[in-house]
Structures are given as C-alpha cells and as structure tokens.
C-alpha cells in the first residue's frame, strides 16, 4: 500500500495551480496539469531535486521552514497548511500573532448575543475576556474591571465573595494558565500576566509553583452574586476554529432551578439598569 501521503498531497496541490495564478509565465508543452515540480521549487526557494524527493517519498523529514515555504508557494490556506505539517509530522514553525488571537469575529459576537438567557463569552489562552454578551456583563458586574479571569480571581477583592469555593476556583485558574503556557510559552501577554500575578499575589505564586496542568472541566461553578444571590452553573467550552487560542464559554443553569430563575432576574435587572442610564448626547 502506498503511504506517501505527503507526496500525494504536494502533487495534488501542485496540479491545482496554474502558472498565471502564481505570477509565472507558461512556456513549452505541459504534459501534466498545473505547475511543474521545478516551478514549485523556484517559488519555494528549495532545490528542485530535493522537492522531487519530497513528492516521491524519498525525503520525509522537511523542516518547518521548508513546509512554510511550500505552503506559500502552493497558496495553502490555514487548514491546508496545518494539514501539510501533520502529514510531515512536523509542528508548525510559527504561532498565531497575539493581535490576531485578540480579534473576535463579528459572526461569533452575533452568536453570543443570540444567547440572551445565559452568559456567553470569548476568552484568550491568557484568560482575557475578549467579548461577552449582556448577561456575562451582568454576571461579572461585581468586578472592576471584568477584563481577565485570572486577574479578577487573584487581585480583585470581589472574587473572595463571588466564588463560594475560592480555593477551588483559584486552583483551576492557575492550572488553566499552566496549560496555556505549554501551548504558547513565549506569549508576551501570558508572561506579563504571570509576572504581575506573581508580584502581587502570594496565593498565585504558591499555586503556580505547583505546576498543576488542567484544561477547562465540566465541574459546576458555585457563585454568590450580590444582586441575585447564589448561582450554580455548569458550562461548555468550545475552541474557536478560525482563531487558535480563543475559547467560547457558555454557562447554563438547570432549567427551572433557582439558579435559572436567578439568571433570569439578573438579566432583567441589568436591562433595567442600562435603560435607566443617561444616554450620551449625540
């Protein structure tokens, strides 16, 4: 059985590109569809014989830099580029930029606003709150500001009352940050956050030095909101496919439960408060 999946992929993508699509002149009689091997090699800046060996399966250990060059030469999108790296068993040579990871798409914002009866928000690996719906704003109103879940947990006095089991919430927060550091150890935002928390919170420093790693679980959150009282919420966290590092988090209460009634009341109070706020002059 032919297992030259890397070569098959390169050959197929080469066949799907015409010279004019990559700014090259077409010359001579073409016996195959698409680009010639030599043309791909020129576009990628690699040796033609080396590229031929890649397609034929005689070379199976290209570097991340070579794979990135081939991705550009073959006009691969993000999904195809990631697939190319997986076929070569080589992790991508770069990471999404910090600024790209901070942008939340308009479609995702609309999706969150479509959950008026449950808190929904998008956060980064560093636990920055990048976007939130109205009920999330109401839920996190005790925090000033509600900007980063880790900072809120360790540096905002409101957290000790808001999380009924603060120790458990603190441990989960640090374990999440440790996992994030494994994905992006050089993320400047994450490094800055850890430095700030270490300087100002002995509790964070102790937990950080334990090196516990854990992603988001499905454990219930027990909260005490000053406006509506106790809340027991479960949640689901979804990776945002077109923005690596972002997660969409949706909280929900058991239908018909006191927590569901409290969430409904919280939403009503928040909406009433916003309507009462003075509108800015235009």
Protein backbone atom coordinates (compact mmCIF):
# COMPACT_ATOMS: atom_id res chain seq x y z
CA UNK A 1 0.00 0.00 0.00
CA UNK A 2 1.31 3.44 -0.95
CA UNK A 3 1.72 5.51 2.20
CA UNK A 4 3.35 8.55 0.62
CA UNK A 5 0.61 10.87 1.85
CA UNK A 6 2.90 13.90 1.95
CA UNK A 7 3.94 13.42 -1.67
CA UNK A 8 0.38 12.77 -2.79
CA UNK A 9 -0.78 15.99 -1.15
CA UNK A 10 2.01 18.09 -2.68
CA UNK A 11 1.39 16.60 -6.11
CA UNK A 12 -2.35 17.24 -5.94
CA UNK A 13 -1.96 20.83 -4.80
CA UNK A 14 0.68 21.47 -7.47
CA UNK A 15 -1.68 20.13 -10.12
CA UNK A 16 -4.38 22.53 -8.96
CA UNK A 17 -2.35 25.68 -9.60
CA UNK A 18 -1.76 27.35 -12.95
CA UNK A 19 1.40 29.38 -13.66
CA UNK A 20 -0.55 32.61 -14.09
CA UNK A 21 -2.06 32.16 -10.60
CA UNK A 22 1.41 32.41 -9.05
CA UNK A 23 2.77 35.10 -11.36
CA UNK A 24 4.84 32.80 -13.59
CA UNK A 25 4.92 32.70 -17.38
CA UNK A 26 3.81 29.48 -19.01
CA UNK A 27 6.21 28.03 -21.56
CA UNK A 28 6.58 24.81 -23.50
CA UNK A 29 4.14 21.93 -23.80
CA UNK A 30 2.77 20.86 -20.43
CA UNK A 31 2.36 17.12 -20.08
CA UNK A 32 0.70 17.43 -16.65
CA UNK A 33 -1.88 19.76 -15.20
CA UNK A 34 -0.79 22.67 -13.07
CA UNK A 35 2.72 23.65 -12.08
CA UNK A 36 5.87 21.71 -12.82
CA UNK A 37 7.98 20.45 -9.94
CA UNK A 38 10.76 22.84 -10.92
CA UNK A 39 8.37 25.77 -10.73
CA UNK A 40 7.22 24.86 -7.23
CA UNK A 41 10.85 24.54 -6.18
CA UNK A 42 11.63 28.01 -7.54
CA UNK A 43 8.62 29.54 -5.80
CA UNK A 44 9.54 27.88 -2.50
CA UNK A 45 13.25 28.63 -2.80
CA UNK A 46 14.30 24.99 -2.47
CA UNK A 47 16.42 22.71 -4.61
CA UNK A 48 14.43 21.08 -7.43
CA UNK A 49 15.93 17.66 -6.76
CA UNK A 50 15.06 17.99 -3.06
CA UNK A 51 11.45 18.85 -3.91
CA UNK A 52 11.26 15.88 -6.28
CA UNK A 53 12.43 13.58 -3.48
CA UNK A 54 9.70 15.00 -1.23
CA UNK A 55 7.00 14.19 -3.79
CA UNK A 56 8.40 10.74 -4.44
CA UNK A 57 8.64 9.88 -0.76
CA UNK A 58 12.41 9.56 -0.77
CA UNK A 59 12.68 12.54 1.61
CA UNK A 60 10.27 12.57 4.54
CA UNK A 61 11.80 14.95 7.07
CA UNK A 62 11.38 18.50 5.76
CA UNK A 63 11.98 21.32 8.20
CA UNK A 64 9.17 23.62 9.38
CA UNK A 65 10.77 26.39 7.29
CA UNK A 66 10.60 24.28 4.12
CA UNK A 67 6.99 23.37 4.81
CA UNK A 68 6.10 27.02 5.35
CA UNK A 69 7.83 27.95 2.08
CA UNK A 70 5.90 25.23 0.24
CA UNK A 71 2.66 26.43 1.84
CA UNK A 72 3.26 29.91 0.45
CA UNK A 73 4.32 28.59 -2.95
CA UNK A 74 1.20 26.42 -3.24
CA UNK A 75 -1.12 29.11 -1.87
CA UNK A 76 -2.30 26.92 1.00
CA UNK A 77 -4.83 28.35 3.43
CA UNK A 78 -4.52 27.87 7.20
CA UNK A 79 -6.26 24.47 7.23
CA UNK A 80 -4.24 23.10 4.32
CA UNK A 81 -1.02 24.44 5.82
CA UNK A 82 -1.74 22.71 9.14
CA UNK A 83 -2.57 19.50 7.24
CA UNK A 84 0.75 19.68 5.40
CA UNK A 85 2.62 19.94 8.70
CA UNK A 86 0.68 16.99 10.12
CA UNK A 87 1.48 14.83 7.10
CA UNK A 88 5.17 15.58 7.64
CA UNK A 89 4.85 15.02 11.41
CA UNK A 90 6.36 18.44 11.96
CA UNK A 91 4.74 21.06 14.23
CA UNK A 92 4.09 24.44 12.60
CA UNK A 93 7.08 26.75 12.75
CA UNK A 94 5.12 29.78 13.90
CA UNK A 95 2.17 30.66 16.10
CA UNK A 96 -0.76 33.00 15.51
CA UNK A 97 0.12 36.57 16.37
CA UNK A 98 -1.09 37.95 19.67
CA UNK A 99 -3.12 40.61 17.89
CA UNK A 100 -4.81 38.05 15.66
CA UNK A 101 -5.76 35.99 18.73
CA UNK A 102 -7.38 39.06 20.31
CA UNK A 103 -9.83 39.72 17.48
CA UNK A 104 -13.29 38.23 17.85
CA UNK A 105 -15.19 37.84 14.61
CA UNK A 106 -18.50 39.69 14.13
CA UNK A 107 -20.22 36.35 13.46
CA UNK A 108 -19.09 34.99 16.82
CA UNK A 109 -20.28 38.15 18.58
CA UNK A 110 -23.68 37.71 16.95
CA UNK A 111 -23.76 34.10 18.09
CA UNK A 112 -23.13 35.12 21.71
CA UNK A 113 -25.84 37.77 21.55
CA UNK A 114 -28.18 35.00 20.41
CA UNK A 115 -27.95 33.53 23.95
CA UNK A 116 -29.86 36.23 25.88
CA UNK A 117 -30.73 33.93 28.80
CA UNK A 118 -27.30 32.52 29.55
CA UNK A 119 -23.82 34.06 29.93
CA UNK A 120 -21.54 33.55 26.93
CA UNK A 121 -18.08 34.99 26.37
CA UNK A 122 -14.87 34.51 24.41
CA UNK A 123 -11.54 34.37 26.21
CA UNK A 124 -7.92 34.05 25.14
CA UNK A 125 -5.41 31.50 26.40
CA UNK A 126 -4.24 34.15 28.86
CA UNK A 127 -7.86 34.27 30.12
CA UNK A 128 -8.51 37.78 28.82
CA UNK A 129 -12.22 38.40 28.25
CA UNK A 130 -12.24 39.36 24.59
CA UNK A 131 -16.01 39.63 24.06
CA UNK A 132 -19.10 38.95 26.12
CA UNK A 133 -22.87 39.09 25.86
CA UNK A 134 -25.08 41.23 28.09
CA UNK A 135 -25.72 38.53 30.69
CA UNK A 136 -21.99 37.96 31.12
CA UNK A 137 -21.59 41.67 31.78
CA UNK A 138 -24.30 41.38 34.44
CA UNK A 139 -22.75 38.25 35.96
CA UNK A 140 -19.29 39.81 36.28
CA UNK A 141 -20.55 43.26 37.32
CA UNK A 142 -19.02 42.91 40.84
CA UNK A 143 -15.54 43.02 39.26
CA UNK A 144 -13.99 46.36 38.29
CA UNK A 145 -12.96 45.86 35.61
CA UNK A 146 -14.07 42.46 34.31
CA UNK A 147 -11.11 42.08 32.00
CA UNK A 148 -9.17 38.92 32.79
CA UNK A 149 -10.42 35.91 34.76
CA UNK A 150 -7.04 35.25 36.40
CA UNK A 151 -6.52 38.88 37.46
CA UNK A 152 -10.10 39.02 38.72
CA UNK A 153 -9.62 35.84 40.77
CA UNK A 154 -6.39 36.82 42.48
CA UNK A 155 -6.25 40.62 42.54
CA UNK A 156 -9.87 41.79 42.79
CA UNK A 157 -11.27 41.69 46.36
CA UNK A 158 -14.72 40.86 44.97
CA UNK A 159 -13.56 37.36 44.00
CA UNK A 160 -13.40 36.10 47.60
CA UNK A 161 -17.15 36.66 47.93
CA UNK A 162 -18.11 35.88 44.33
CA UNK A 163 -16.58 32.36 44.29
CA UNK A 164 -18.11 30.43 47.18
CA UNK A 165 -15.19 27.96 47.00
CA UNK A 166 -12.43 30.43 46.20
CA UNK A 167 -9.60 27.93 46.69
CA UNK A 168 -11.05 25.59 44.11
CA UNK A 169 -11.58 28.43 41.64
CA UNK A 170 -8.03 29.66 42.19
CA UNK A 171 -6.53 26.20 41.62
CA UNK A 172 -8.50 25.73 38.39
CA UNK A 173 -7.46 29.17 37.13
CA UNK A 174 -3.75 28.54 37.65
CA UNK A 175 -3.98 25.06 36.13
CA UNK A 176 -5.57 26.61 33.04
CA UNK A 177 -2.78 29.18 32.76
CA UNK A 178 -0.16 26.43 33.09
CA UNK A 179 -1.76 24.59 30.20
CA UNK A 180 -1.78 27.81 28.16
CA UNK A 181 1.94 28.28 28.85
CA UNK A 182 2.55 24.86 27.34
CA UNK A 183 0.86 25.93 24.11
CA UNK A 184 2.49 29.35 23.92
CA UNK A 185 5.49 29.57 26.27
CA UNK A 186 6.69 32.80 24.64
CA UNK A 187 3.32 34.55 24.55
CA UNK A 188 4.18 38.08 25.79
CA UNK A 189 0.70 38.72 27.18
CA UNK A 190 0.80 35.49 29.19
CA UNK A 191 4.29 36.23 30.50
CA UNK A 192 3.23 39.73 31.54
CA UNK A 193 0.15 38.38 33.32
CA UNK A 194 2.11 35.74 35.24
CA UNK A 195 4.71 38.32 36.26
CA UNK A 196 2.02 40.69 37.56
CA UNK A 197 0.19 37.97 39.48
CA UNK A 198 3.42 36.64 40.97
CA UNK A 199 4.40 40.10 42.17
CA UNK A 200 1.06 40.85 43.82
CA UNK A 201 -0.36 37.51 44.99
CA UNK A 202 1.36 35.00 47.25
CA UNK A 203 -1.52 32.59 46.65
CA UNK A 204 -0.94 32.69 42.91
CA UNK A 205 2.81 32.18 43.33
CA UNK A 206 2.27 29.12 45.53
CA UNK A 207 -0.17 27.54 43.09
CA UNK A 208 1.88 28.48 40.03
CA UNK A 209 4.95 26.77 41.51
CA UNK A 210 2.97 23.53 41.94
CA UNK A 211 2.94 23.13 38.10
CA UNK A 212 -0.54 21.64 38.03
CA UNK A 213 -1.87 21.49 34.47
CA UNK A 214 -5.53 21.15 33.61
CA UNK A 215 -7.82 22.46 30.92
CA UNK A 216 -11.36 23.58 31.49
CA UNK A 217 -13.50 20.89 33.13
CA UNK A 218 -17.25 20.46 33.28
CA UNK A 219 -17.41 20.94 37.05
CA UNK A 220 -20.23 23.13 38.32
CA UNK A 221 -19.39 26.67 39.38
CA UNK A 222 -20.85 27.87 42.66
CA UNK A 223 -21.12 31.65 42.70
CA UNK A 224 -22.61 34.26 45.01
CA UNK A 225 -23.79 37.30 43.11
CA UNK A 226 -24.56 40.37 45.26
CA UNK A 227 -27.62 41.18 43.14
CA UNK A 228 -29.40 37.81 42.94
CA UNK A 229 -27.73 35.52 45.48
CA UNK A 230 -26.31 32.02 44.95
CA UNK A 231 -25.87 30.56 41.48
CA UNK A 232 -24.91 27.03 40.47
CA UNK A 233 -23.85 26.99 36.83
CA UNK A 234 -22.32 24.41 34.55
CA UNK A 235 -20.57 25.32 31.32
CA UNK A 236 -19.26 24.18 27.99
CA UNK A 237 -16.05 25.49 26.41
CA UNK A 238 -15.52 25.36 22.63
CA UNK A 239 -12.32 26.05 20.72
CA UNK A 240 -12.81 28.76 18.10
CA UNK A 241 -11.59 27.05 14.96
CA UNK A 242 -10.63 30.14 12.96
CA UNK A 243 -8.88 31.82 15.91
CA UNK A 244 -6.48 29.37 17.62
CA UNK A 245 -6.20 30.11 21.32
CA UNK A 246 -9.70 31.52 21.67
CA UNK A 247 -12.46 29.68 23.52
CA UNK A 248 -16.19 30.30 23.52
CA UNK A 249 -17.53 29.60 27.02
CA UNK A 250 -21.26 29.23 27.66
CA UNK A 251 -22.67 28.99 31.19
CA UNK A 252 -26.06 27.49 31.84
CA UNK A 253 -28.31 26.65 34.78
CA UNK A 254 -30.56 23.65 35.24
CA UNK A 255 -33.92 24.56 33.65
CA UNK A 256 -36.50 25.51 36.24
CA UNK A 257 -33.93 25.61 39.04
CA UNK A 258 -33.46 28.51 41.47
CA UNK A 259 -30.25 29.35 39.59
CA UNK A 260 -32.15 29.59 36.31
CA UNK A 261 -34.65 31.93 37.95
CA UNK A 262 -31.79 33.97 39.41
CA UNK A 263 -30.15 34.26 35.99
CA UNK A 264 -33.43 35.48 34.53
CA UNK A 265 -33.74 38.05 37.30
CA UNK A 266 -30.12 39.12 36.79
CA UNK A 267 -30.78 39.71 33.11
CA UNK A 268 -33.90 41.76 33.87
CA UNK A 269 -32.11 43.88 36.46
CA UNK A 270 -29.21 44.50 34.10
CA UNK A 271 -31.52 45.50 31.25
CA UNK A 272 -33.49 47.85 33.53
CA UNK A 273 -30.29 49.42 34.82
CA UNK A 274 -29.00 50.02 31.31
CA UNK A 275 -32.27 51.62 30.25
CA UNK A 276 -32.07 53.97 33.23
CA UNK A 277 -28.53 55.08 32.42
CA UNK A 278 -28.32 58.53 30.78
CA UNK A 279 -27.74 58.31 27.06
CA UNK A 280 -24.73 60.16 25.68
CA UNK A 281 -25.53 63.31 23.74
CA UNK A 282 -25.01 62.97 20.00
